């Protein structure tokens, strides 16, 4: 599928789908069982990396992007900090979620580097059959919030082991810019895959979609945690709070 002239010219088939020798260093430790206060919170995943030659959902992913191109224009999407997003290998993408537009904007921004993103998305989205079909064929991962959904987290760890990117919203639901506490799922995922980089994303302007037909001005900014990557002995809640505080410093909550 031809790329827009706005996209980088020096990228080929999705590098996220090829796990090269250099990527094993960050992915090979994924799947280490977690040490938690409750056995129910532990999960495991495949112990060896598997190179993926043809990512599930890639063609559908591209088709949806084509259909959403007018939305990108309408939202006046601006992308910053793409250098913080690895061109290949696993990464955990952590973002605020103030509007329904946020995941679409992040997906579009990441495709500028041809990185396909799999979100951990709330399972209730699968109740609407047409949307469920799209989510399944785009290879998104349903997760039951607040239920220690170890199966979903294990699937995410397995994807990181294969050099893919996983997206997660620490606040756990659509915040619409309000104050919500960060949940520990992002910390558990990072702890299960030591060495896999965490990339923070701040999305701003998306809450202005409620002013339709006035056009919003949406910005997606990628950046590395100023406080450093997660470390093994960091408290789960403290890590989740730290990451969200950095995101909120660039994407303040709105009234």
C-alpha atoms as a PDB file:
ATOM      1  CA  UNK A   1       0.000   0.000   0.000  1.00  0.00           C
ATOM      2  CA  UNK A   2       1.510   3.346  -0.999  1.00  0.00           C
ATOM      3  CA  UNK A   3       2.537   5.567   1.873  1.00  0.00           C
ATOM      4  CA  UNK A   4       1.594   9.196   2.209  1.00  0.00           C
ATOM      5  CA  UNK A   5       4.311  11.597   1.225  1.00  0.00           C
ATOM      6  CA  UNK A   6       4.283  12.776   4.824  1.00  0.00           C
ATOM      7  CA  UNK A   7       5.663   9.432   5.945  1.00  0.00           C
ATOM      8  CA  UNK A   8       9.388   8.674   6.192  1.00  0.00           C
ATOM      9  CA  UNK A   9      10.836   7.282   2.954  1.00  0.00           C
ATOM     10  CA  UNK A  10      13.597   5.106   4.412  1.00  0.00           C
ATOM     11  CA  UNK A  11      11.492   2.368   5.950  1.00  0.00           C
ATOM     12  CA  UNK A  12      10.345  -0.893   4.440  1.00  0.00           C
ATOM     13  CA  UNK A  13       8.204  -3.795   5.576  1.00  0.00           C
ATOM     14  CA  UNK A  14       7.329  -3.517   9.295  1.00  0.00           C
ATOM     15  CA  UNK A  15      10.546  -4.018  11.219  1.00  0.00           C
ATOM     16  CA  UNK A  16       8.501  -4.838  14.317  1.00  0.00           C
ATOM     17  CA  UNK A  17       7.724  -8.130  12.635  1.00  0.00           C
ATOM     18  CA  UNK A  18      11.340  -9.230  12.412  1.00  0.00           C
ATOM     19  CA  UNK A  19      13.217 -10.107  15.558  1.00  0.00           C
ATOM     20  CA  UNK A  20      16.909  -9.798  14.733  1.00  0.00           C
ATOM     21  CA  UNK A  21      19.848 -10.865  16.830  1.00  0.00           C
ATOM     22  CA  UNK A  22      20.187  -7.493  18.523  1.00  0.00           C
ATOM     23  CA  UNK A  23      16.577  -7.583  19.671  1.00  0.00           C
ATOM     24  CA  UNK A  24      16.990 -10.768  21.693  1.00  0.00           C
ATOM     25  CA  UNK A  25      18.952  -8.891  24.343  1.00  0.00           C
ATOM     26  CA  UNK A  26      15.863  -7.008  25.494  1.00  0.00           C
ATOM     27  CA  UNK A  27      13.292  -9.685  24.709  1.00  0.00           C
ATOM     28  CA  UNK A  28      14.929 -12.884  25.870  1.00  0.00           C
ATOM     29  CA  UNK A  29      14.114 -12.407  29.560  1.00  0.00           C
ATOM     30  CA  UNK A  30      10.377 -11.900  28.992  1.00  0.00           C
ATOM     31  CA  UNK A  31       8.095 -14.373  30.646  1.00  0.00           C
ATOM     32  CA  UNK A  32       9.873 -14.622  33.977  1.00  0.00           C
ATOM     33  CA  UNK A  33       7.142 -15.474  36.512  1.00  0.00           C
ATOM     34  CA  UNK A  34       6.320 -12.500  38.690  1.00  0.00           C
ATOM     35  CA  UNK A  35       6.937 -12.425  42.402  1.00  0.00           C
ATOM     36  CA  UNK A  36       3.841 -10.923  44.002  1.00  0.00           C
ATOM     37  CA  UNK A  37       1.978 -11.099  47.271  1.00  0.00           C
ATOM     38  CA  UNK A  38      -0.723 -13.245  45.679  1.00  0.00           C
ATOM     39  CA  UNK A  39      -0.242 -16.377  43.622  1.00  0.00           C
ATOM     40  CA  UNK A  40      -3.284 -15.342  41.584  1.00  0.00           C
ATOM     41  CA  UNK A  41      -1.347 -12.336  40.305  1.00  0.00           C
ATOM     42  CA  UNK A  42       1.432 -14.415  38.753  1.00  0.00           C
ATOM     43  CA  UNK A  43       1.526 -15.148  35.062  1.00  0.00           C
ATOM     44  CA  UNK A  44       3.956 -16.692  32.642  1.00  0.00           C
ATOM     45  CA  UNK A  45       4.605 -16.640  28.934  1.00  0.00           C
ATOM     46  CA  UNK A  46       6.688 -18.358  26.244  1.00  0.00           C
ATOM     47  CA  UNK A  47      10.314 -18.645  27.280  1.00  0.00           C
ATOM     48  CA  UNK A  48      11.876 -18.325  23.854  1.00  0.00           C
ATOM     49  CA  UNK A  49      11.716 -15.674  21.158  1.00  0.00           C
ATOM     50  CA  UNK A  50       9.906 -16.506  17.954  1.00  0.00           C
ATOM     51  CA  UNK A  51      10.548 -14.453  14.834  1.00  0.00           C
ATOM     52  CA  UNK A  52       7.282 -13.462  13.171  1.00  0.00           C
ATOM     53  CA  UNK A  53       7.445 -13.140   9.376  1.00  0.00           C
ATOM     54  CA  UNK A  54       3.856 -11.984   8.806  1.00  0.00           C
ATOM     55  CA  UNK A  55       2.100 -10.213  11.650  1.00  0.00           C
ATOM     56  CA  UNK A  56      -1.548 -11.061  12.088  1.00  0.00           C
ATOM     57  CA  UNK A  57      -3.767  -8.116  11.275  1.00  0.00           C
ATOM     58  CA  UNK A  58      -1.177  -6.139   9.295  1.00  0.00           C
ATOM     59  CA  UNK A  59      -3.330  -5.756   6.164  1.00  0.00           C
ATOM     60  CA  UNK A  60      -6.435  -4.874   8.169  1.00  0.00           C
ATOM     61  CA  UNK A  61      -4.335  -2.435  10.168  1.00  0.00           C
ATOM     62  CA  UNK A  62      -3.309  -0.673   6.966  1.00  0.00           C
ATOM     63  CA  UNK A  63      -6.856  -0.697   5.600  1.00  0.00           C
ATOM     64  CA  UNK A  64      -8.219   0.938   8.756  1.00  0.00           C
ATOM     65  CA  UNK A  65      -5.523   3.594   8.536  1.00  0.00           C
ATOM     66  CA  UNK A  66      -6.575   4.360   4.972  1.00  0.00           C
ATOM     67  CA  UNK A  67     -10.198   4.721   6.029  1.00  0.00           C
ATOM     68  CA  UNK A  68      -9.197   6.981   8.916  1.00  0.00           C
ATOM     69  CA  UNK A  69      -7.010   9.277   6.830  1.00  0.00           C
ATOM     70  CA  UNK A  70      -9.698  12.002   6.768  1.00  0.00           C
ATOM     71  CA  UNK A  71      -9.822  11.805  10.576  1.00  0.00           C
ATOM     72  CA  UNK A  72      -6.076  12.414  10.729  1.00  0.00           C
ATOM     73  CA  UNK A  73      -6.531  15.511   8.582  1.00  0.00           C
ATOM     74  CA  UNK A  74      -9.531  16.713  10.605  1.00  0.00           C
ATOM     75  CA  UNK A  75      -7.662  16.286  13.906  1.00  0.00           C
ATOM     76  CA  UNK A  76      -4.642  18.200  12.542  1.00  0.00           C
ATOM     77  CA  UNK A  77      -2.431  15.465  13.954  1.00  0.00           C
ATOM     78  CA  UNK A  78       1.112  16.449  14.934  1.00  0.00           C
ATOM     79  CA  UNK A  79       3.683  13.865  16.001  1.00  0.00           C
ATOM     80  CA  UNK A  80       6.750  14.636  18.113  1.00  0.00           C
ATOM     81  CA  UNK A  81       9.627  12.609  19.524  1.00  0.00           C
ATOM     82  CA  UNK A  82       9.461   9.656  17.132  1.00  0.00           C
ATOM     83  CA  UNK A  83      13.164   9.082  17.769  1.00  0.00           C
ATOM     84  CA  UNK A  84      12.166   7.695  21.180  1.00  0.00           C
ATOM     85  CA  UNK A  85      10.263   4.866  19.449  1.00  0.00           C
ATOM     86  CA  UNK A  86      12.532   1.925  18.541  1.00  0.00           C
ATOM     87  CA  UNK A  87      12.535   1.026  14.858  1.00  0.00           C
ATOM     88  CA  UNK A  88      12.504  -2.654  15.781  1.00  0.00           C
ATOM     89  CA  UNK A  89      12.307  -4.951  18.746  1.00  0.00           C
ATOM     90  CA  UNK A  90       9.924  -4.979  21.714  1.00  0.00           C
ATOM     91  CA  UNK A  91       8.643  -1.891  23.501  1.00  0.00           C
ATOM     92  CA  UNK A  92       5.946  -1.101  26.054  1.00  0.00           C
ATOM     93  CA  UNK A  93       3.975   1.971  24.987  1.00  0.00           C
ATOM     94  CA  UNK A  94       2.415   3.796  27.952  1.00  0.00           C
ATOM     95  CA  UNK A  95      -0.035   6.643  27.416  1.00  0.00           C
ATOM     96  CA  UNK A  96      -2.822   8.762  28.827  1.00  0.00           C
ATOM     97  CA  UNK A  97      -6.337   8.014  27.566  1.00  0.00           C
ATOM     98  CA  UNK A  98      -8.459  11.150  27.699  1.00  0.00           C
ATOM     99  CA  UNK A  99     -10.537  10.553  24.561  1.00  0.00           C
ATOM    100  CA  UNK A 100     -11.673   7.798  22.199  1.00  0.00           C
ATOM    101  CA  UNK A 101      -9.374   9.473  19.659  1.00  0.00           C
ATOM    102  CA  UNK A 102      -6.166   8.726  21.610  1.00  0.00           C
ATOM    103  CA  UNK A 103      -5.560   5.088  20.544  1.00  0.00           C
ATOM    104  CA  UNK A 104      -6.288   5.938  16.908  1.00  0.00           C
ATOM    105  CA  UNK A 105      -3.845   8.856  17.027  1.00  0.00           C
ATOM    106  CA  UNK A 106      -1.132   6.706  18.639  1.00  0.00           C
ATOM    107  CA  UNK A 107      -1.632   3.910  16.110  1.00  0.00           C
ATOM    108  CA  UNK A 108      -1.344   6.374  13.234  1.00  0.00           C
ATOM    109  CA  UNK A 109       1.740   8.036  14.720  1.00  0.00           C
ATOM    110  CA  UNK A 110       3.518   4.704  15.264  1.00  0.00           C
ATOM    111  CA  UNK A 111       2.816   3.627  11.705  1.00  0.00           C
ATOM    112  CA  UNK A 112       4.978   6.505  10.555  1.00  0.00           C
ATOM    113  CA  UNK A 113       7.738   4.109  11.611  1.00  0.00           C
ATOM    114  CA  UNK A 114       5.699   1.110  10.471  1.00  0.00           C
ATOM    115  CA  UNK A 115       5.383  -0.220  14.006  1.00  0.00           C
ATOM    116  CA  UNK A 116       2.176  -2.124  14.572  1.00  0.00           C
ATOM    117  CA  UNK A 117       0.768  -1.689  18.068  1.00  0.00           C
ATOM    118  CA  UNK A 118      -1.271  -4.196  20.058  1.00  0.00           C
ATOM    119  CA  UNK A 119      -3.295  -2.613  22.850  1.00  0.00           C
ATOM    120  CA  UNK A 120      -4.427  -4.186  26.067  1.00  0.00           C
ATOM    121  CA  UNK A 121      -8.033  -3.030  25.679  1.00  0.00           C
ATOM    122  CA  UNK A 122     -10.985  -3.436  28.024  1.00  0.00           C
ATOM    123  CA  UNK A 123     -12.907  -6.594  27.202  1.00  0.00           C
ATOM    124  CA  UNK A 124     -16.267  -4.803  27.064  1.00  0.00           C
ATOM    125  CA  UNK A 125     -15.278  -3.371  23.663  1.00  0.00           C
ATOM    126  CA  UNK A 126     -15.787  -6.880  22.272  1.00  0.00           C
ATOM    127  CA  UNK A 127     -19.526  -6.797  23.117  1.00  0.00           C
ATOM    128  CA  UNK A 128     -20.284  -4.922  19.884  1.00  0.00           C
ATOM    129  CA  UNK A 129     -19.816  -7.586  17.220  1.00  0.00           C
ATOM    130  CA  UNK A 130     -18.636  -5.410  14.306  1.00  0.00           C
ATOM    131  CA  UNK A 131     -16.056  -3.752  16.558  1.00  0.00           C
ATOM    132  CA  UNK A 132     -15.093  -7.135  18.015  1.00  0.00           C
ATOM    133  CA  UNK A 133     -14.380  -8.414  14.501  1.00  0.00           C
ATOM    134  CA  UNK A 134     -12.083  -5.458  13.812  1.00  0.00           C
ATOM    135  CA  UNK A 135     -10.286  -5.799  17.153  1.00  0.00           C
ATOM    136  CA  UNK A 136      -9.755  -9.540  16.711  1.00  0.00           C
ATOM    137  CA  UNK A 137      -8.481  -9.218  13.163  1.00  0.00           C
ATOM    138  CA  UNK A 138      -6.216  -6.339  14.206  1.00  0.00           C
ATOM    139  CA  UNK A 139      -4.862  -8.681  16.919  1.00  0.00           C
ATOM    140  CA  UNK A 140      -5.734  -6.495  19.895  1.00  0.00           C
ATOM    141  CA  UNK A 141      -5.776  -8.080  23.377  1.00  0.00           C
ATOM    142  CA  UNK A 142      -8.907  -7.991  25.569  1.00  0.00           C
ATOM    143  CA  UNK A 143      -8.259  -7.579  29.277  1.00  0.00           C
ATOM    144  CA  UNK A 144     -10.644  -7.707  32.215  1.00  0.00           C
ATOM    145  CA  UNK A 145      -9.833  -4.750  34.411  1.00  0.00           C
ATOM    146  CA  UNK A 146      -9.582  -5.297  38.140  1.00  0.00           C
ATOM    147  CA  UNK A 147      -9.712  -9.084  37.826  1.00  0.00           C
ATOM    148  CA  UNK A 148      -6.001 -10.005  37.726  1.00  0.00           C
ATOM    149  CA  UNK A 149      -6.385 -11.093  34.114  1.00  0.00           C
ATOM    150  CA  UNK A 150      -3.218 -13.172  33.919  1.00  0.00           C
ATOM    151  CA  UNK A 151      -4.170 -14.668  30.537  1.00  0.00           C
ATOM    152  CA  UNK A 152      -4.204 -11.236  28.874  1.00  0.00           C
ATOM    153  CA  UNK A 153      -0.944 -10.196  30.522  1.00  0.00           C
ATOM    154  CA  UNK A 154       0.672 -13.485  29.506  1.00  0.00           C
ATOM    155  CA  UNK A 155      -0.373 -12.880  25.904  1.00  0.00           C
ATOM    156  CA  UNK A 156       1.169  -9.409  26.085  1.00  0.00           C
ATOM    157  CA  UNK A 157       4.409 -10.821  27.486  1.00  0.00           C
ATOM    158  CA  UNK A 158       4.485 -13.407  24.708  1.00  0.00           C
ATOM    159  CA  UNK A 159       4.089 -10.647  22.123  1.00  0.00           C
ATOM    160  CA  UNK A 160       6.980  -8.692  23.634  1.00  0.00           C
ATOM    161  CA  UNK A 161       9.055 -11.863  23.570  1.00  0.00           C
ATOM    162  CA  UNK A 162       8.497 -11.966  19.814  1.00  0.00           C
ATOM    163  CA  UNK A 163       9.696  -8.377  19.405  1.00  0.00           C
ATOM    164  CA  UNK A 164       6.277  -6.713  19.146  1.00  0.00           C
ATOM    165  CA  UNK A 165       5.002  -3.514  20.755  1.00  0.00           C
ATOM    166  CA  UNK A 166       2.294  -3.493  23.420  1.00  0.00           C
ATOM    167  CA  UNK A 167       0.209  -0.445  24.337  1.00  0.00           C
ATOM    168  CA  UNK A 168      -1.285   0.091  27.778  1.00  0.00           C
ATOM    169  CA  UNK A 169      -3.219   2.883  29.467  1.00  0.00           C
ATOM    170  CA  UNK A 170      -2.228   2.850  33.176  1.00  0.00           C
ATOM    171  CA  UNK A 171      -5.430   4.640  34.216  1.00  0.00           C
ATOM    172  CA  UNK A 172      -7.318   1.606  32.953  1.00  0.00           C
ATOM    173  CA  UNK A 173     -10.186   3.392  31.244  1.00  0.00           C
ATOM    174  CA  UNK A 174     -11.223   6.509  29.383  1.00  0.00           C
ATOM    175  CA  UNK A 175     -10.432   9.375  31.754  1.00  0.00           C
ATOM    176  CA  UNK A 176     -11.798  12.278  29.691  1.00  0.00           C
ATOM    177  CA  UNK A 177      -9.067  14.315  31.350  1.00  0.00           C
ATOM    178  CA  UNK A 178     -10.276  13.664  34.899  1.00  0.00           C
ATOM    179  CA  UNK A 179      -8.179  12.462  37.833  1.00  0.00           C
ATOM    180  CA  UNK A 180      -7.831   8.664  37.870  1.00  0.00           C
ATOM    181  CA  UNK A 181      -5.258   6.626  39.744  1.00  0.00           C
ATOM    182  CA  UNK A 182      -2.657   4.659  37.834  1.00  0.00           C
ATOM    183  CA  UNK A 183      -3.120   0.904  38.025  1.00  0.00           C
ATOM    184  CA  UNK A 184      -0.276  -1.554  38.545  1.00  0.00           C
ATOM    185  CA  UNK A 185      -0.727  -3.581  35.355  1.00  0.00           C
ATOM    186  CA  UNK A 186       1.920  -1.566  33.530  1.00  0.00           C
ATOM    187  CA  UNK A 187       4.398  -2.318  36.328  1.00  0.00           C
ATOM    188  CA  UNK A 188       3.673  -6.048  36.263  1.00  0.00           C
ATOM    189  CA  UNK A 189       4.183  -6.094  32.506  1.00  0.00           C
ATOM    190  CA  UNK A 190       7.470  -4.187  32.751  1.00  0.00           C
ATOM    191  CA  UNK A 191       8.686  -6.423  35.572  1.00  0.00           C
ATOM    192  CA  UNK A 192       7.910  -9.550  33.541  1.00  0.00           C
ATOM    193  CA  UNK A 193      10.111  -8.253  30.713  1.00  0.00           C
ATOM    194  CA  UNK A 194      13.196  -6.626  32.249  1.00  0.00           C
ATOM    195  CA  UNK A 195      15.221  -4.804  29.628  1.00  0.00           C
ATOM    196  CA  UNK A 196      12.281  -4.123  27.312  1.00  0.00           C
ATOM    197  CA  UNK A 197      12.136  -0.327  26.928  1.00  0.00           C
ATOM    198  CA  UNK A 198       9.169   1.648  28.179  1.00  0.00           C
ATOM    199  CA  UNK A 199       8.195   4.508  25.867  1.00  0.00           C
ATOM    200  CA  UNK A 200       5.875   7.162  27.260  1.00  0.00           C
ATOM    201  CA  UNK A 201       3.288   8.922  25.115  1.00  0.00           C
ATOM    202  CA  UNK A 202       1.464  12.164  25.895  1.00  0.00           C
ATOM    203  CA  UNK A 203      -1.619  12.845  23.786  1.00  0.00           C
ATOM    204  CA  UNK A 204      -3.035  16.364  23.974  1.00  0.00           C
ATOM    205  CA  UNK A 205      -5.925  18.105  22.266  1.00  0.00           C
ATOM    206  CA  UNK A 206      -8.034  14.981  21.816  1.00  0.00           C
ATOM    207  CA  UNK A 207     -10.694  16.045  24.338  1.00  0.00           C
ATOM    208  CA  UNK A 208     -11.581  18.904  22.001  1.00  0.00           C
ATOM    209  CA  UNK A 209     -13.416  16.459  19.725  1.00  0.00           C
ATOM    210  CA  UNK A 210     -16.498  17.269  21.805  1.00  0.00           C
ATOM    211  CA  UNK A 211     -16.477  20.697  20.159  1.00  0.00           C
ATOM    212  CA  UNK A 212     -17.337  19.205  16.769  1.00  0.00           C
ATOM    213  CA  UNK A 213     -17.546  20.531  14.088  1.00  0.00           C
ATOM    214  CA  UNK A 214     -14.694  22.711  15.313  1.00  0.00           C
ATOM    215  CA  UNK A 215     -11.460  20.928  14.462  1.00  0.00           C
ATOM    216  CA  UNK A 216      -9.190  19.881  17.336  1.00  0.00           C
ATOM    217  CA  UNK A 217      -5.406  20.073  17.190  1.00  0.00           C
ATOM    218  CA  UNK A 218      -4.096  16.728  18.431  1.00  0.00           C
ATOM    219  CA  UNK A 219      -0.459  16.173  19.358  1.00  0.00           C
ATOM    220  CA  UNK A 220       1.146  12.790  20.035  1.00  0.00           C
ATOM    221  CA  UNK A 221       4.513  13.062  21.776  1.00  0.00           C
ATOM    222  CA  UNK A 222       6.811  10.095  22.400  1.00  0.00           C
ATOM    223  CA  UNK A 223       9.531  10.333  25.053  1.00  0.00           C
ATOM    224  CA  UNK A 224      11.644   8.209  27.368  1.00  0.00           C
ATOM    225  CA  UNK A 225      10.982   8.296  31.121  1.00  0.00           C
ATOM    226  CA  UNK A 226      13.043  11.100  32.654  1.00  0.00           C
ATOM    227  CA  UNK A 227      13.167   9.080  35.865  1.00  0.00           C
ATOM    228  CA  UNK A 228      14.764   6.186  34.036  1.00  0.00           C
ATOM    229  CA  UNK A 229      13.566   2.790  32.907  1.00  0.00           C
ATOM    230  CA  UNK A 230      11.875   0.487  35.456  1.00  0.00           C
ATOM    231  CA  UNK A 231      14.220  -1.328  37.832  1.00  0.00           C
ATOM    232  CA  UNK A 232      13.550  -4.768  39.366  1.00  0.00           C
ATOM    233  CA  UNK A 233      13.139  -3.587  42.966  1.00  0.00           C
ATOM    234  CA  UNK A 234      10.822  -0.642  42.171  1.00  0.00           C
ATOM    235  CA  UNK A 235       7.442  -0.803  43.881  1.00  0.00           C
ATOM    236  CA  UNK A 236       4.631  -1.562  41.418  1.00  0.00           C
ATOM    237  CA  UNK A 237       2.367   1.309  42.473  1.00  0.00           C
ATOM    238  CA  UNK A 238       5.272   3.742  42.735  1.00  0.00           C
ATOM    239  CA  UNK A 239       6.363   2.876  39.183  1.00  0.00           C
ATOM    240  CA  UNK A 240       2.862   3.238  37.755  1.00  0.00           C
ATOM    241  CA  UNK A 241       2.465   6.591  39.520  1.00  0.00           C
ATOM    242  CA  UNK A 242       5.866   7.800  38.344  1.00  0.00           C
ATOM    243  CA  UNK A 243       5.169   7.005  34.699  1.00  0.00           C
ATOM    244  CA  UNK A 244       1.739   8.646  34.778  1.00  0.00           C
ATOM    245  CA  UNK A 245       3.104  11.737  36.515  1.00  0.00           C
ATOM    246  CA  UNK A 246       5.618  12.193  33.704  1.00  0.00           C
ATOM    247  CA  UNK A 247       2.876  11.777  31.096  1.00  0.00           C
ATOM    248  CA  UNK A 248       0.583  14.200  32.929  1.00  0.00           C
ATOM    249  CA  UNK A 249       3.356  16.774  33.104  1.00  0.00           C
ATOM    250  CA  UNK A 250       3.053  16.973  29.311  1.00  0.00           C
ATOM    251  CA  UNK A 251      -0.642  16.138  28.981  1.00  0.00           C
ATOM    252  CA  UNK A 252      -2.323  17.919  31.917  1.00  0.00           C
ATOM    253  CA  UNK A 253      -5.778  16.851  32.998  1.00  0.00           C
ATOM    254  CA  UNK A 254      -8.523  19.082  31.697  1.00  0.00           C
ATOM    255  CA  UNK A 255     -11.637  20.370  33.398  1.00  0.00           C
END
